[in-house]
Amino acid sequence: MRATDVEGTGALLCAPTAGSQTLLVVVLAAAAWKAARALAAMPFDALRFQRAGLAKAGLVQNSMLASRDFERALGTLERLTLGPLARRV
């Protein structure tokens, strides 16, 4: 980008170049992908928080094995539903 002084005020006005526009598009696309992944994962995170609350309240079994089974099932459902937007660990 080329920076030029705006009317002697000291404020810089940047004129984008072709390379900087391409970089901007790539950065915006990456940010949009990250936001879409976070938004798509919200219902699954809500289920995880709900199960944790139920376990604290004593309404579901609070064991490592039950937690593992729940997380496996929910992780599988998340991957099947979201496809490439699903989180990978």
N, C-alpha and C. Protein backbone atom coordinates (compact mmCIF):
# COMPACT_ATOMS: atom_id res chain seq x y z
N MET A 1 0.84 -1.18 0.00
CA MET A 1 0.00 0.00 0.00
C MET A 1 0.88 1.24 0.00
N ARG A 2 0.44 2.24 -0.68
CA ARG A 2 1.13 3.52 -0.68
C ARG A 2 0.40 4.47 0.25
N ALA A 3 1.14 5.08 1.16
CA ALA A 3 0.52 6.01 2.10
C ALA A 3 0.84 7.43 1.66
N THR A 4 -0.17 8.29 1.65
CA THR A 4 0.03 9.69 1.30
C THR A 4 -0.59 10.57 2.38
N ASP A 5 0.02 11.72 2.59
CA ASP A 5 -0.47 12.67 3.59
C ASP A 5 -1.74 13.34 3.06
N VAL A 6 -2.77 13.43 3.89
CA VAL A 6 -4.04 14.02 3.48
C VAL A 6 -4.04 15.50 3.86
N GLU A 7 -3.93 16.36 2.86
CA GLU A 7 -4.02 17.82 3.01
C GLU A 7 -3.16 18.37 4.13
N GLY A 8 -1.96 17.82 4.30
CA GLY A 8 -1.04 18.35 5.29
C GLY A 8 -1.46 18.12 6.74
N THR A 9 -2.41 17.22 6.98
CA THR A 9 -2.90 16.99 8.35
C THR A 9 -2.08 15.95 9.10
N GLY A 10 -1.28 15.23 8.41
CA GLY A 10 -0.53 14.16 9.05
C GLY A 10 -1.28 12.84 9.02
N ALA A 11 -2.56 12.87 8.63
CA ALA A 11 -3.33 11.63 8.51
C ALA A 11 -2.93 10.94 7.21
N LEU A 12 -2.73 9.66 7.27
CA LEU A 12 -2.28 8.93 6.10
C LEU A 12 -3.45 8.23 5.43
N LEU A 13 -3.50 8.37 4.12
CA LEU A 13 -4.50 7.69 3.31
C LEU A 13 -3.78 6.61 2.52
N CYS A 14 -4.21 5.40 2.66
CA CYS A 14 -3.53 4.28 2.00
C CYS A 14 -4.28 3.90 0.74
N ALA A 15 -3.55 3.85 -0.35
CA ALA A 15 -4.12 3.39 -1.63
C ALA A 15 -3.78 1.92 -1.77
N PRO A 16 -4.80 1.06 -1.84
CA PRO A 16 -4.52 -0.37 -1.92
C PRO A 16 -3.89 -0.76 -3.25
N THR A 17 -3.03 -1.74 -3.19
CA THR A 17 -2.44 -2.30 -4.39
C THR A 17 -3.08 -3.66 -4.63
N ALA A 18 -2.79 -4.26 -5.78
CA ALA A 18 -3.40 -5.55 -6.12
C ALA A 18 -3.02 -6.62 -5.10
N GLY A 19 -1.78 -6.63 -4.67
CA GLY A 19 -1.32 -7.62 -3.70
C GLY A 19 -2.00 -7.47 -2.35
N SER A 20 -2.18 -6.22 -1.92
CA SER A 20 -2.81 -6.01 -0.62
C SER A 20 -4.30 -6.34 -0.67
N GLN A 21 -4.93 -6.14 -1.82
CA GLN A 21 -6.35 -6.51 -1.95
C GLN A 21 -6.52 -8.01 -1.89
N THR A 22 -5.59 -8.75 -2.50
CA THR A 22 -5.65 -10.21 -2.45
C THR A 22 -5.45 -10.69 -1.02
N LEU A 23 -4.50 -10.10 -0.32
CA LEU A 23 -4.25 -10.45 1.07
C LEU A 23 -5.47 -10.16 1.93
N LEU A 24 -6.12 -9.04 1.68
CA LEU A 24 -7.32 -8.68 2.43
C LEU A 24 -8.44 -9.69 2.21
N VAL A 25 -8.61 -10.14 0.98
CA VAL A 25 -9.64 -11.13 0.66
C VAL A 25 -9.34 -12.44 1.39
N VAL A 26 -8.09 -12.84 1.40
CA VAL A 26 -7.71 -14.09 2.08
C VAL A 26 -7.94 -13.98 3.58
N VAL A 27 -7.58 -12.86 4.16
CA VAL A 27 -7.77 -12.66 5.60
C VAL A 27 -9.26 -12.64 5.94
N LEU A 28 -10.05 -11.96 5.14
CA LEU A 28 -11.50 -11.91 5.39
C LEU A 28 -12.15 -13.29 5.22
N ALA A 29 -11.70 -14.05 4.24
CA ALA A 29 -12.24 -15.40 4.04
C ALA A 29 -11.90 -16.30 5.22
N ALA A 30 -10.68 -16.19 5.72
CA ALA A 30 -10.28 -16.99 6.87
C ALA A 30 -11.09 -16.61 8.11
N ALA A 31 -11.33 -15.32 8.29
CA ALA A 31 -12.12 -14.87 9.43
C ALA A 31 -13.57 -15.33 9.31
N ALA A 32 -14.12 -15.30 8.10
CA ALA A 32 -15.49 -15.76 7.89
C ALA A 32 -15.60 -17.26 8.15
N TRP A 33 -14.61 -18.03 7.72
CA TRP A 33 -14.62 -19.48 7.96
C TRP A 33 -14.57 -19.78 9.45
N LYS A 34 -13.70 -19.05 10.17
CA LYS A 34 -13.58 -19.25 11.62
C LYS A 34 -14.89 -18.90 12.33
N ALA A 35 -15.53 -17.83 11.92
CA ALA A 35 -16.80 -17.42 12.52
C ALA A 35 -17.90 -18.43 12.21
N ALA A 36 -17.91 -18.96 11.00
CA ALA A 36 -18.92 -19.95 10.63
C ALA A 36 -18.75 -21.23 11.44
N ARG A 37 -17.50 -21.62 11.67
CA ARG A 37 -17.25 -22.82 12.49
C ARG A 37 -17.73 -22.61 13.92
N ALA A 38 -17.46 -21.44 14.48
CA ALA A 38 -17.88 -21.16 15.86
C ALA A 38 -19.40 -21.12 15.96
N LEU A 39 -20.04 -20.51 14.98
CA LEU A 39 -21.50 -20.41 14.99
C LEU A 39 -22.14 -21.79 14.82
N ALA A 40 -21.60 -22.60 13.94
CA ALA A 40 -22.15 -23.93 13.69
C ALA A 40 -21.98 -24.85 14.90
N ALA A 41 -20.94 -24.63 15.69
CA ALA A 41 -20.67 -25.49 16.84
C ALA A 41 -21.48 -25.12 18.07
N MET A 42 -22.15 -23.99 18.06
CA MET A 42 -22.87 -23.52 19.25
C MET A 42 -23.90 -24.51 19.79
N PRO A 43 -24.74 -25.13 18.97
CA PRO A 43 -25.72 -26.07 19.53
C PRO A 43 -25.05 -27.25 20.25
N PHE A 44 -23.92 -27.70 19.74
CA PHE A 44 -23.22 -28.82 20.36
C PHE A 44 -22.56 -28.39 21.67
N ASP A 45 -22.04 -27.18 21.70
CA ASP A 45 -21.48 -26.65 22.95
C ASP A 45 -22.59 -26.48 24.00
N ALA A 46 -23.76 -26.07 23.55
CA ALA A 46 -24.89 -25.91 24.48
C ALA A 46 -25.27 -27.26 25.09
N LEU A 47 -25.24 -28.32 24.28
CA LEU A 47 -25.52 -29.65 24.81
C LEU A 47 -24.47 -30.08 25.83
N ARG A 48 -23.21 -29.75 25.56
CA ARG A 48 -22.15 -30.09 26.52
C ARG A 48 -22.36 -29.35 27.84
N PHE A 49 -22.67 -28.07 27.76
CA PHE A 49 -22.91 -27.29 28.98
C PHE A 49 -24.13 -27.80 29.73
N GLN A 50 -25.16 -28.17 28.99
CA GLN A 50 -26.37 -28.69 29.62
C GLN A 50 -26.09 -29.99 30.35
N ARG A 51 -25.34 -30.89 29.72
CA ARG A 51 -25.02 -32.15 30.38
C ARG A 51 -24.17 -31.92 31.63
N ALA A 52 -23.24 -30.98 31.56
CA ALA A 52 -22.43 -30.67 32.74
C ALA A 52 -23.31 -30.16 33.87
N GLY A 53 -24.27 -29.32 33.55
CA GLY A 53 -25.19 -28.81 34.57
C GLY A 53 -26.04 -29.92 35.17
N LEU A 54 -26.49 -30.84 34.33
CA LEU A 54 -27.29 -31.97 34.82
C LEU A 54 -26.45 -32.88 35.72
N ALA A 55 -25.19 -33.05 35.36
CA ALA A 55 -24.32 -33.88 36.19
C ALA A 55 -24.08 -33.22 37.55
N LYS A 56 -23.89 -31.91 37.56
CA LYS A 56 -23.70 -31.19 38.83
C LYS A 56 -24.94 -31.28 39.70
N ALA A 57 -26.10 -31.26 39.06
CA ALA A 57 -27.36 -31.33 39.80
C ALA A 57 -27.68 -32.76 40.23
N GLY A 58 -26.93 -33.75 39.75
CA GLY A 58 -27.15 -35.13 40.12
C GLY A 58 -28.25 -35.82 39.32
N LEU A 59 -28.66 -35.23 38.21
CA LEU A 59 -29.73 -35.81 37.41
C LEU A 59 -29.24 -36.83 36.39
N VAL A 60 -27.95 -36.79 36.06
CA VAL A 60 -27.34 -37.81 35.21
C VAL A 60 -26.09 -38.30 35.92
N GLN A 61 -25.65 -39.49 35.54
CA GLN A 61 -24.50 -40.09 36.19
C GLN A 61 -23.25 -39.26 35.92
N ASN A 62 -22.53 -38.94 36.98
CA ASN A 62 -21.32 -38.13 36.87
C ASN A 62 -20.11 -39.06 36.98
N SER A 63 -19.78 -39.72 35.88
CA SER A 63 -18.62 -40.60 35.88
C SER A 63 -17.80 -40.33 34.63
N MET A 64 -16.54 -40.71 34.70
CA MET A 64 -15.67 -40.51 33.55
C MET A 64 -16.11 -41.34 32.35
N LEU A 65 -16.59 -42.55 32.62
CA LEU A 65 -17.02 -43.41 31.53
C LEU A 65 -18.28 -42.88 30.85
N ALA A 66 -19.24 -42.40 31.64
CA ALA A 66 -20.46 -41.83 31.07
C ALA A 66 -20.14 -40.56 30.29
N SER A 67 -19.22 -39.77 30.83
CA SER A 67 -18.81 -38.54 30.14
C SER A 67 -18.12 -38.87 28.82
N ARG A 68 -17.29 -39.90 28.83
CA ARG A 68 -16.60 -40.32 27.60
C ARG A 68 -17.60 -40.77 26.55
N ASP A 69 -18.56 -41.58 26.96
CA ASP A 69 -19.56 -42.08 26.02
C ASP A 69 -20.40 -40.95 25.43
N PHE A 70 -20.78 -39.99 26.29
CA PHE A 70 -21.55 -38.84 25.83
C PHE A 70 -20.73 -38.03 24.82
N GLU A 71 -19.47 -37.78 25.15
CA GLU A 71 -18.63 -36.97 24.26
C GLU A 71 -18.37 -37.67 22.94
N ARG A 72 -18.20 -38.98 22.96
CA ARG A 72 -18.02 -39.73 21.71
C ARG A 72 -19.26 -39.62 20.82
N ALA A 73 -20.42 -39.82 21.44
CA ALA A 73 -21.66 -39.76 20.66
C ALA A 73 -21.89 -38.35 20.11
N LEU A 74 -21.68 -37.36 20.95
CA LEU A 74 -21.89 -35.98 20.51
C LEU A 74 -20.86 -35.56 19.46
N GLY A 75 -19.62 -35.99 19.64
CA GLY A 75 -18.58 -35.68 18.65
C GLY A 75 -18.88 -36.30 17.30
N THR A 76 -19.36 -37.54 17.31
CA THR A 76 -19.74 -38.20 16.07
C THR A 76 -20.89 -37.47 15.40
N LEU A 77 -21.89 -37.11 16.18
CA LEU A 77 -23.03 -36.37 15.64
C LEU A 77 -22.59 -35.02 15.07
N GLU A 78 -21.69 -34.35 15.76
CA GLU A 78 -21.18 -33.06 15.29
C GLU A 78 -20.44 -33.22 13.97
N ARG A 79 -19.58 -34.22 13.86
CA ARG A 79 -18.84 -34.43 12.61
C ARG A 79 -19.77 -34.81 11.46
N LEU A 80 -20.77 -35.65 11.74
CA LEU A 80 -21.72 -36.03 10.70
C LEU A 80 -22.57 -34.85 10.23
N THR A 81 -22.96 -34.01 11.18
CA THR A 81 -23.83 -32.88 10.86
C THR A 81 -23.09 -31.75 10.16
N LEU A 82 -21.93 -31.39 10.70
CA LEU A 82 -21.23 -30.19 10.22
C LEU A 82 -20.21 -30.47 9.13
N GLY A 83 -19.78 -31.70 9.00
CA GLY A 83 -18.81 -32.03 7.96
C GLY A 83 -17.51 -31.26 8.14
N PRO A 84 -17.09 -30.48 7.14
CA PRO A 84 -15.82 -29.77 7.23
C PRO A 84 -15.82 -28.63 8.25
N LEU A 85 -16.98 -28.22 8.71
CA LEU A 85 -17.03 -27.17 9.72
C LEU A 85 -16.84 -27.71 11.14
N ALA A 86 -16.90 -29.03 11.30
CA ALA A 86 -16.74 -29.63 12.63
C ALA A 86 -15.32 -29.44 13.14
N ARG A 87 -15.20 -29.29 14.44
CA ARG A 87 -13.89 -29.15 15.05
C ARG A 87 -13.17 -30.49 15.07
N ARG A 88 -11.88 -30.44 14.91
CA ARG A 88 -11.03 -31.63 14.99
C ARG A 88 -10.10 -31.46 16.17
N VAL A 89 -9.93 -32.54 16.92
CA VAL A 89 -9.04 -32.46 18.07
C VAL A 89 -7.87 -33.37 17.87
